[in-house]
Amino acid sequence: MKPVHRLRSLLKSMPKTSYPKNKIRVLLLENIHPEAAARFHGESFQVETLSSSLDEEELCKRIETVHLLGIRSKTRVTESVLLHARRLWAIGCYCIGTDQVDLATARRRGVAVFNAPYSNTRSVAELVIGEIITLLRRVFEKSQKLHQKKWDKNSEGSYEVRDKTLGIVGYGHIGSQVSILAEALGMDVIYYDVADILPMGTARSMPSLEALLARADVVTLHVPEDKNTIDMIAAPQLALMKKGGYLLNASRGKVVNLADLREALVTGHLAGAAIDVFPDEPTGNDRLFESVLQGLPNVILTPHIGGSTLESQEDIARKTSEKLITYMNNGGTVGSVNFPEVQLPLLKDQHRVLHIHQNVPGVIAEFNNVFSQHRINIEGQYLRTQEDIGYVVTDVNQMPQREILDDLKKIAATIRVRVLY
């Protein structure tokens, strides 16, 4: 057989998606690593990339025709945005956190959300350790003086990190990595977390945030942003910290009250701070940034770069994009943070129907009855439920016709229906 005939035969034998891949639209915001766009281009998806985030009004306009959305931490996917997302199937958060997305609304509207929770763990942990050493040695302050042509060679206020107590608030992926690195430097590690988490090495759990603050020489924060963590470090908590202590925040901007932190630094109660995240951050590199902490000595300000290393960003781009591609091509939802997780086999000669529905009794019976009435045999079925929605994936032996899909959509609990092959 000639090569051209073999190619045509192969193409005919390949499964076809019900929606052409070259019509699937992907919108990537906030300067996501080029590896993401490359992965989607490799699937023949349409890809649009922007270097900045979009405000709610602009995103509402842009998202109406988008099937896959990729964001980092600045873009807020609100209920209003999701109400405009008529064609949106999934969101990829190219960062650790997903609190910038209204996960509950996304779930109710059948929009799966994915991220890569481990990819930039090491990058953030290394930055924190570097800043701890820099703060205790007053490196930043002395460097600034040299830039101002001032020679300040003395050991006053400079300390080794060895034998100092590090208090970690939030002992998840990043917090535990910081714990390991800090212990290797000879620090005594304590931590506080709302969950009961097994410590790494010789780290010790503290019974309360207050107990940790009173004992630690250095406090580093690694918590999500929610109603319980906003302003969790303000004047009362700062007053509990040791005089001459240090505070680091590489988690979320609203966790620390910056005005109260400034007061603690100006009065000398705290000896230094390192802040990587802020309540209000510029939407792009061309915007001005202002903070009440600017101009203070021994205060390190960084522009939300905790996870911004080439290694971590490439890894996040690869892993998050692959999860989105798997969902679009195969229906698998492993790694979703708001959706029932279903791991699926690859299809050969069957057709696959994805049905997202409200999690109420009797839905599966109605669903299967539609196939029975149309005399279509079900060859495999996978079901998972989560809170208020259910996700059933059904493999059948013939391509469902439009009438069948219409009948599935008529089921009262149906949220969305999609045919893959």
Protein backbone atom coordinates (compact mmCIF):
# COMPACT_ATOMS: atom_id res chain seq x y z
CA MET A 1 0.00 0.00 0.00
CA LYS A 2 1.32 3.42 -0.93
CA PRO A 3 2.11 5.84 1.97
CA VAL A 4 -0.68 8.23 0.98
CA HIS A 5 -3.23 5.39 1.01
CA ARG A 6 -1.95 4.16 4.38
CA LEU A 7 -2.34 7.68 5.78
CA ARG A 8 -5.92 7.95 4.50
CA SER A 9 -6.73 4.53 5.96
CA LEU A 10 -5.26 5.56 9.31
CA LEU A 11 -7.21 8.81 9.37
CA LYS A 12 -10.46 6.97 8.61
CA SER A 13 -9.84 4.54 11.47
CA MET A 14 -9.11 7.27 14.03
CA PRO A 15 -12.00 8.25 16.35
CA LYS A 16 -13.51 11.64 15.60
CA THR A 17 -14.75 14.04 18.22
CA SER A 18 -18.31 15.26 17.93
CA TYR A 19 -16.99 18.81 18.04
CA PRO A 20 -14.05 19.52 15.70
CA LYS A 21 -10.83 20.12 17.60
CA ASN A 22 -9.92 23.07 15.40
CA LYS A 23 -13.02 24.86 16.67
CA ILE A 24 -12.19 24.44 20.36
CA ARG A 25 -11.19 27.88 21.63
CA VAL A 26 -8.62 28.33 24.39
CA LEU A 27 -7.98 31.65 26.16
CA LEU A 28 -4.75 31.88 28.20
CA LEU A 29 -4.24 34.94 30.42
CA GLU A 30 -1.45 36.36 32.60
CA ASN A 31 1.57 35.38 30.55
CA ILE A 32 1.26 31.63 31.07
CA HIS A 33 4.38 29.73 30.01
CA PRO A 34 4.50 29.08 26.21
CA GLU A 35 4.51 25.33 26.84
CA ALA A 36 0.75 25.58 27.53
CA ALA A 37 -0.02 27.14 24.15
CA ALA A 38 2.27 24.61 22.46
CA ARG A 39 0.35 21.71 24.01
CA PHE A 40 -2.98 23.09 22.84
CA HIS A 41 -1.66 23.88 19.37
CA GLY A 42 -0.52 20.26 19.22
CA GLU A 43 -4.17 19.25 19.62
CA SER A 44 -5.21 21.68 16.84
CA PHE A 45 -7.14 23.85 19.32
CA GLN A 46 -7.50 27.58 18.64
CA VAL A 47 -5.35 29.45 21.17
CA GLU A 48 -5.36 33.11 22.21
CA THR A 49 -2.79 34.33 24.74
CA LEU A 50 -2.67 37.58 26.71
CA SER A 51 0.16 38.78 28.95
CA SER A 52 -2.11 40.39 31.54
CA SER A 53 -5.26 39.56 33.46
CA LEU A 54 -8.72 40.87 32.55
CA ASP A 55 -11.16 42.64 34.82
CA GLU A 56 -14.60 41.17 35.36
CA GLU A 57 -16.35 43.26 32.69
CA GLU A 58 -13.82 42.47 29.98
CA LEU A 59 -13.63 38.79 30.92
CA CYS A 60 -17.43 38.53 30.72
CA LYS A 61 -17.20 39.68 27.10
CA ARG A 62 -14.24 37.50 26.13
CA ILE A 63 -15.43 34.28 27.72
CA GLU A 64 -18.72 33.93 25.86
CA THR A 65 -17.14 31.90 23.04
CA VAL A 66 -14.35 30.22 25.02
CA HIS A 67 -14.25 26.45 25.72
CA LEU A 68 -11.11 26.35 27.89
CA LEU A 69 -9.81 29.18 30.09
CA GLY A 70 -6.29 29.35 31.52
CA ILE A 71 -5.48 31.81 34.32
CA ARG A 72 -2.99 32.45 37.09
CA SER A 73 -3.65 34.13 40.43
CA LYS A 74 -4.75 37.65 39.40
CA THR A 75 -7.79 36.82 37.27
CA ARG A 76 -11.03 36.51 39.25
CA VAL A 77 -13.55 34.09 37.77
CA THR A 78 -16.70 35.25 39.53
CA GLU A 79 -20.29 34.08 39.37
CA SER A 80 -21.00 36.83 36.86
CA VAL A 81 -18.17 35.66 34.61
CA LEU A 82 -19.40 32.07 34.78
CA LEU A 83 -22.94 33.12 33.88
CA HIS A 84 -21.53 34.54 30.64
CA ALA A 85 -19.48 31.41 29.93
CA ARG A 86 -22.05 29.64 27.80
CA ARG A 87 -19.54 27.31 26.10
CA LEU A 88 -16.95 26.94 28.85
CA TRP A 89 -16.09 23.34 29.76
CA ALA A 90 -13.07 23.75 32.00
CA ILE A 91 -10.73 26.21 33.70
CA GLY A 92 -7.03 25.64 34.25
CA CYS A 93 -5.43 27.49 37.18
CA TYR A 94 -1.75 27.68 36.27
CA CYS A 95 -0.73 28.13 39.90
CA ILE A 96 -1.18 26.36 43.22
CA GLY A 97 -4.30 28.10 44.51
CA THR A 98 -7.80 28.04 43.03
CA ASP A 99 -9.49 30.53 45.38
CA GLN A 100 -9.63 33.08 42.54
CA VAL A 101 -12.39 30.95 40.99
CA ASP A 102 -15.95 30.65 42.29
CA LEU A 103 -15.64 26.87 42.52
CA ALA A 104 -19.18 26.21 43.70
CA THR A 105 -20.78 28.14 40.84
CA ALA A 106 -18.40 26.54 38.35
CA ARG A 107 -19.40 23.09 39.60
CA ARG A 108 -23.12 23.84 39.43
CA ARG A 109 -22.69 25.03 35.85
CA GLY A 110 -20.73 21.93 34.87
CA VAL A 111 -17.34 23.65 34.56
CA ALA A 112 -14.44 21.56 35.85
CA VAL A 113 -11.46 23.36 37.42
CA PHE A 114 -7.93 21.93 37.32
CA ASN A 115 -4.55 23.02 38.67
CA ALA A 116 -1.06 21.65 39.33
CA PRO A 117 -0.78 21.89 43.13
CA TYR A 118 2.77 20.59 43.47
CA SER A 119 4.59 22.18 40.54
CA ASN A 120 5.85 25.39 42.17
CA THR A 121 6.15 24.06 45.72
CA ARG A 122 9.94 23.95 45.61
CA SER A 123 10.21 27.42 44.05
CA VAL A 124 8.17 29.07 46.80
CA ALA A 125 9.96 27.13 49.54
CA GLU A 126 13.37 28.17 48.24
CA LEU A 127 12.35 31.84 48.08
CA VAL A 128 11.12 31.71 51.69
CA ILE A 129 14.35 30.15 52.94
CA GLY A 130 16.42 32.67 51.00
CA GLU A 131 14.41 35.55 52.46
CA ILE A 132 14.75 34.22 56.01
CA ILE A 133 18.53 34.23 55.70
CA THR A 134 18.49 37.63 53.98
CA LEU A 135 16.31 39.17 56.71
CA LEU A 136 18.25 37.83 59.66
CA ARG A 137 21.56 38.96 58.14
CA ARG A 138 20.05 42.33 57.13
CA VAL A 139 21.41 41.74 53.64
CA PHE A 140 18.74 43.78 51.86
CA GLU A 141 19.21 46.82 54.08
CA LYS A 142 23.02 46.73 53.76
CA SER A 143 22.82 46.25 50.01
CA GLN A 144 20.61 49.32 49.71
CA LYS A 145 23.14 51.38 51.66
CA LEU A 146 25.95 50.33 49.34
CA HIS A 147 23.84 51.41 46.37
CA GLN A 148 23.62 54.77 48.16
CA LYS A 149 27.46 54.79 48.53
CA LYS A 150 27.25 54.13 52.30
CA TRP A 151 29.63 51.59 53.87
CA ASP A 152 27.97 49.90 56.87
CA LYS A 153 30.16 46.97 57.93
CA ASN A 154 29.01 45.85 61.37
CA SER A 155 27.32 42.82 62.90
CA GLU A 156 24.65 44.68 64.86
CA GLY A 157 21.24 43.11 64.31
CA SER A 158 22.64 40.30 62.13
CA TYR A 159 22.01 36.70 63.13
CA GLU A 160 22.52 33.14 61.98
CA VAL A 161 19.36 31.14 61.32
CA ARG A 162 20.74 28.14 63.18
CA ASP A 163 18.93 27.49 66.47
CA LYS A 164 16.24 30.06 65.69
CA THR A 165 12.61 28.94 65.87
CA LEU A 166 10.64 29.02 62.62
CA GLY A 167 6.86 29.08 62.94
CA ILE A 168 5.01 27.84 59.85
CA VAL A 169 1.32 28.75 59.57
CA GLY A 170 -0.24 26.32 57.11
CA TYR A 171 1.58 22.99 56.87
CA GLY A 172 0.49 21.90 53.41
CA HIS A 173 2.63 21.22 50.34
CA ILE A 174 4.70 24.39 50.62
CA GLY A 175 4.77 24.70 54.39
CA SER A 176 6.07 21.16 54.82
CA GLN A 177 8.79 21.74 52.20
CA VAL A 178 9.89 24.89 54.01
CA SER A 179 9.98 22.79 57.17
CA ILE A 180 12.39 20.29 55.64
CA LEU A 181 14.75 22.94 54.27
CA ALA A 182 14.70 24.97 57.49
CA GLU A 183 15.50 21.96 59.62
CA ALA A 184 18.46 21.18 57.36
CA LEU A 185 19.76 24.66 58.21
CA GLY A 186 19.52 23.90 61.92
CA MET A 187 16.30 25.76 62.67
CA ASP A 188 13.83 24.56 65.28
CA VAL A 189 10.53 24.17 63.39
CA ILE A 190 7.03 24.51 64.82
CA TYR A 191 3.81 24.73 62.84
CA TYR A 192 0.08 25.35 63.11
CA ASP A 193 -2.59 24.03 60.76
CA VAL A 194 -6.35 23.66 61.09
CA ALA A 195 -5.95 20.08 59.88
CA ASP A 196 -4.18 17.30 61.76
CA ILE A 197 -1.05 16.86 59.61
CA LEU A 198 1.84 14.50 60.23
CA PRO A 199 5.03 16.54 60.83
CA MET A 200 8.16 16.28 58.74
CA GLY A 201 11.40 15.50 60.58
CA THR A 202 11.42 16.94 64.09
CA ALA A 203 8.84 19.68 63.43
CA ARG A 204 6.24 20.05 66.18
CA SER A 205 2.59 20.97 65.92
CA MET A 206 1.30 23.87 68.01
CA PRO A 207 -2.19 23.88 69.55
CA SER A 208 -3.10 27.36 68.28
CA LEU A 209 -1.96 30.23 66.10
CA GLU A 210 -1.45 32.34 69.21
CA ALA A 211 0.86 29.74 70.75
CA LEU A 212 2.95 29.66 67.57
CA LEU A 213 3.23 33.44 67.31
CA ALA A 214 4.43 33.77 70.89
CA ARG A 215 7.16 31.18 70.45
CA ALA A 216 8.57 31.72 66.95
CA ASP A 217 11.47 34.00 66.04
CA VAL A 218 10.38 33.89 62.41
CA VAL A 219 6.80 33.37 61.16
CA THR A 220 6.01 32.35 57.58
CA LEU A 221 2.47 32.10 56.19
CA HIS A 222 1.26 29.43 53.74
CA VAL A 223 -2.54 29.50 53.87
CA PRO A 224 -5.33 29.98 51.29
CA GLU A 225 -7.51 33.07 51.19
CA ASP A 226 -10.95 32.54 52.69
CA LYS A 227 -13.21 34.10 55.29
CA ASN A 228 -11.12 32.57 58.08
CA THR A 229 -7.73 33.79 56.84
CA ILE A 230 -8.41 37.35 55.68
CA ASP A 231 -6.60 39.65 58.14
CA MET A 232 -5.58 36.64 60.22
CA ILE A 233 -2.37 38.56 60.94
CA ALA A 234 -3.30 42.05 62.16
CA ALA A 235 -2.44 44.23 65.17
CA PRO A 236 -3.55 41.72 67.87
CA GLN A 237 -1.58 38.87 66.31
CA LEU A 238 1.49 41.02 65.59
CA ALA A 239 1.51 42.10 69.25
CA LEU A 240 1.81 38.44 70.25
CA MET A 241 4.98 37.97 68.21
CA LYS A 242 8.39 38.22 69.84
CA LYS A 243 9.98 41.65 69.91
CA GLY A 244 12.56 41.63 67.13
CA GLY A 245 10.74 38.89 65.24
CA TYR A 246 10.27 38.52 61.49
CA LEU A 247 7.18 37.92 59.33
CA LEU A 248 7.02 36.45 55.82
CA ASN A 249 3.96 36.13 53.61
CA ALA A 250 4.11 34.24 50.31
CA SER A 251 0.53 32.95 50.42
CA ARG A 252 -2.29 35.43 49.73
CA GLY A 253 -2.32 39.22 49.91
CA LYS A 254 -5.30 39.70 52.20
CA VAL A 255 -3.98 37.39 54.91
CA VAL A 256 -1.89 40.21 56.46
CA ASN A 257 -3.11 43.69 57.38
CA LEU A 258 -0.26 45.70 55.87
CA ALA A 259 -1.07 48.92 57.74
CA ASP A 260 -0.78 47.09 61.05
CA LEU A 261 2.41 45.39 59.86
CA ARG A 262 3.91 48.77 58.98
CA GLU A 263 3.16 50.03 62.49
CA ALA A 264 4.84 46.99 64.05
CA LEU A 265 7.93 47.60 61.88
CA VAL A 266 8.10 51.37 62.42
CA THR A 267 7.84 51.02 66.21
CA GLY A 268 10.57 48.40 66.20
CA HIS A 269 8.41 45.59 67.54
CA LEU A 270 9.33 43.55 64.46
CA ALA A 271 12.86 43.59 63.02
CA GLY A 272 11.90 42.80 59.43
CA ALA A 273 9.43 41.36 56.96
CA ALA A 274 9.29 39.82 53.50
CA ILE A 275 6.06 40.20 51.52
CA ASP A 276 5.49 38.58 48.12
CA VAL A 277 1.70 39.00 47.85
CA PHE A 278 -0.51 42.05 48.27
CA PRO A 279 -4.23 42.85 48.68
CA ASP A 280 -4.20 44.86 45.44
CA GLU A 281 -1.74 43.87 42.75
CA PRO A 282 -1.19 45.48 39.33
CA THR A 283 -2.78 43.63 36.43
CA GLY A 284 0.37 43.94 34.31
CA ASN A 285 4.05 44.86 34.41
CA ASP A 286 3.30 48.26 32.89
CA ARG A 287 1.21 49.37 35.90
CA LEU A 288 2.46 51.26 38.97
CA PHE A 289 2.60 49.56 42.35
CA GLU A 290 2.13 51.26 45.70
CA SER A 291 2.29 49.86 49.23
CA VAL A 292 2.44 51.25 52.75
CA LEU A 293 5.55 49.12 53.26
CA GLN A 294 7.61 50.87 50.60
CA GLY A 295 10.72 52.65 51.87
CA LEU A 296 11.05 50.74 55.14
CA PRO A 297 14.48 49.28 55.97
CA ASN A 298 14.85 45.48 56.20
CA VAL A 299 11.55 44.94 54.39
CA ILE A 300 11.78 42.78 51.27
CA LEU A 301 9.01 43.38 48.73
CA THR A 302 8.75 41.03 45.76
CA PRO A 303 6.12 41.13 42.98
CA HIS A 304 4.32 37.82 43.62
CA ILE A 305 7.23 35.75 42.31
CA GLY A 306 7.09 32.87 44.78
CA GLY A 307 6.37 30.36 42.05
CA SER A 308 7.96 32.31 39.22
CA THR A 309 10.90 30.17 38.19
CA LEU A 310 11.33 28.81 34.70
CA GLU A 311 11.29 25.26 36.03
CA SER A 312 8.05 25.62 37.95
CA GLN A 313 6.20 27.60 35.28
CA GLU A 314 7.06 25.10 32.57
CA ASP A 315 6.00 22.21 34.80
CA ILE A 316 2.71 23.92 35.68
CA ALA A 317 2.04 24.67 32.01
CA ARG A 318 2.65 21.07 31.02
CA LYS A 319 0.70 19.37 33.81
CA THR A 320 -2.32 21.71 33.86
CA SER A 321 -2.64 21.69 30.09
CA GLU A 322 -2.49 17.90 29.96
CA LYS A 323 -5.33 17.68 32.48
CA LEU A 324 -7.46 20.01 30.34
CA ILE A 325 -6.61 18.11 27.17
CA THR A 326 -7.42 14.77 28.81
CA TYR A 327 -10.79 16.13 29.89
CA MET A 328 -11.61 17.44 26.43
CA ASN A 329 -10.38 14.35 24.57
CA ASN A 330 -11.22 11.54 26.95
CA GLY A 331 -13.57 12.89 29.62
CA GLY A 332 -11.22 12.05 32.51
CA THR A 333 -11.38 14.44 35.46
CA VAL A 334 -8.53 13.24 37.69
CA GLY A 335 -7.00 16.30 39.34
CA SER A 336 -10.12 18.46 39.29
CA VAL A 337 -10.61 20.50 42.46
CA ASN A 338 -14.38 21.00 42.15
CA PHE A 339 -15.61 18.05 40.12
CA PRO A 340 -16.16 14.32 40.66
CA GLU A 341 -12.90 12.58 39.74
CA VAL A 342 -13.23 9.84 37.12
CA GLN A 343 -10.28 8.01 35.58
CA LEU A 344 -11.26 6.57 32.21
CA PRO A 345 -9.81 4.04 29.78
CA LEU A 346 -9.06 5.05 26.21
CA LEU A 347 -11.78 4.31 23.70
CA LYS A 348 -11.35 1.99 20.73
CA ASP A 349 -14.54 1.20 18.86
CA GLN A 350 -17.13 2.74 21.18
CA HIS A 351 -18.63 6.21 21.48
CA ARG A 352 -18.54 8.14 24.76
CA VAL A 353 -21.30 10.31 26.23
CA LEU A 354 -20.54 12.69 29.09
CA HIS A 355 -23.49 13.69 31.24
CA ILE A 356 -23.22 16.27 34.02
CA HIS A 357 -26.30 16.47 36.18
CA GLN A 358 -27.70 17.61 39.50
CA ASN A 359 -27.07 15.02 42.18
CA VAL A 360 -30.67 13.94 42.78
CA PRO A 361 -32.24 10.47 43.00
CA GLY A 362 -33.40 8.74 39.81
CA VAL A 363 -31.21 10.56 37.28
CA ILE A 364 -29.22 7.50 36.21
CA ALA A 365 -32.41 5.49 35.71
CA GLU A 366 -33.80 8.22 33.43
CA PHE A 367 -30.47 8.49 31.65
CA ASN A 368 -30.20 4.76 30.93
CA ASN A 369 -33.84 4.59 29.92
CA VAL A 370 -33.14 7.02 27.06
CA PHE A 371 -30.57 4.63 25.60
CA SER A 372 -32.90 1.69 26.14
CA GLN A 373 -35.73 3.40 24.28
CA HIS A 374 -33.42 4.08 21.34
CA ARG A 375 -32.14 0.48 21.47
CA ILE A 376 -28.52 1.45 22.11
CA ASN A 377 -26.40 -0.96 24.12
CA ILE A 378 -24.34 0.43 27.00
CA GLU A 379 -20.89 -1.18 27.00
CA GLY A 380 -19.36 0.67 29.94
CA GLN A 381 -20.43 3.23 32.50
CA TYR A 382 -18.56 5.27 35.10
CA LEU A 383 -20.29 7.38 37.76
CA ARG A 384 -19.08 9.71 40.48
CA THR A 385 -20.96 12.29 42.52
CA GLN A 386 -19.78 15.27 44.53
CA GLU A 387 -21.94 17.49 46.67
CA ASP A 388 -24.62 18.86 44.35
CA ILE A 389 -23.58 17.33 41.00
CA GLY A 390 -23.04 13.95 39.42
CA TYR A 391 -20.87 12.95 36.48
CA VAL A 392 -21.69 9.84 34.48
CA VAL A 393 -19.58 8.69 31.53
CA THR A 394 -21.18 6.12 29.25
CA ASP A 395 -19.60 4.12 26.42
CA VAL A 396 -22.04 2.90 23.78
CA ASN A 397 -21.72 0.79 20.64
CA GLN A 398 -23.08 3.32 18.15
CA MET A 399 -22.93 7.05 17.59
CA PRO A 400 -25.81 8.75 19.47
CA GLN A 401 -28.09 10.62 17.11
CA ARG A 402 -29.40 14.14 17.68
CA GLU A 403 -32.72 12.77 18.97
CA ILE A 404 -30.95 10.89 21.75
CA LEU A 405 -28.99 13.94 22.83
CA ASP A 406 -32.16 16.01 22.82
CA ASP A 407 -33.83 13.43 25.05
CA LEU A 408 -30.87 13.47 27.46
CA LYS A 409 -31.04 17.25 27.64
CA LYS A 410 -34.74 17.03 28.48
CA ILE A 411 -33.99 15.19 31.72
CA ALA A 412 -34.82 17.76 34.39
CA ALA A 413 -31.56 17.31 36.31
CA THR A 414 -29.31 17.62 33.23
CA ILE A 415 -26.68 20.37 33.36
CA ARG A 416 -24.61 19.49 30.25
CA VAL A 417 -24.23 16.72 27.70
CA ARG A 418 -21.26 16.10 25.43
CA VAL A 419 -20.38 13.34 22.95
CA LEU A 420 -16.69 12.64 22.42
CA TYR A 421 -16.53 10.12 19.60
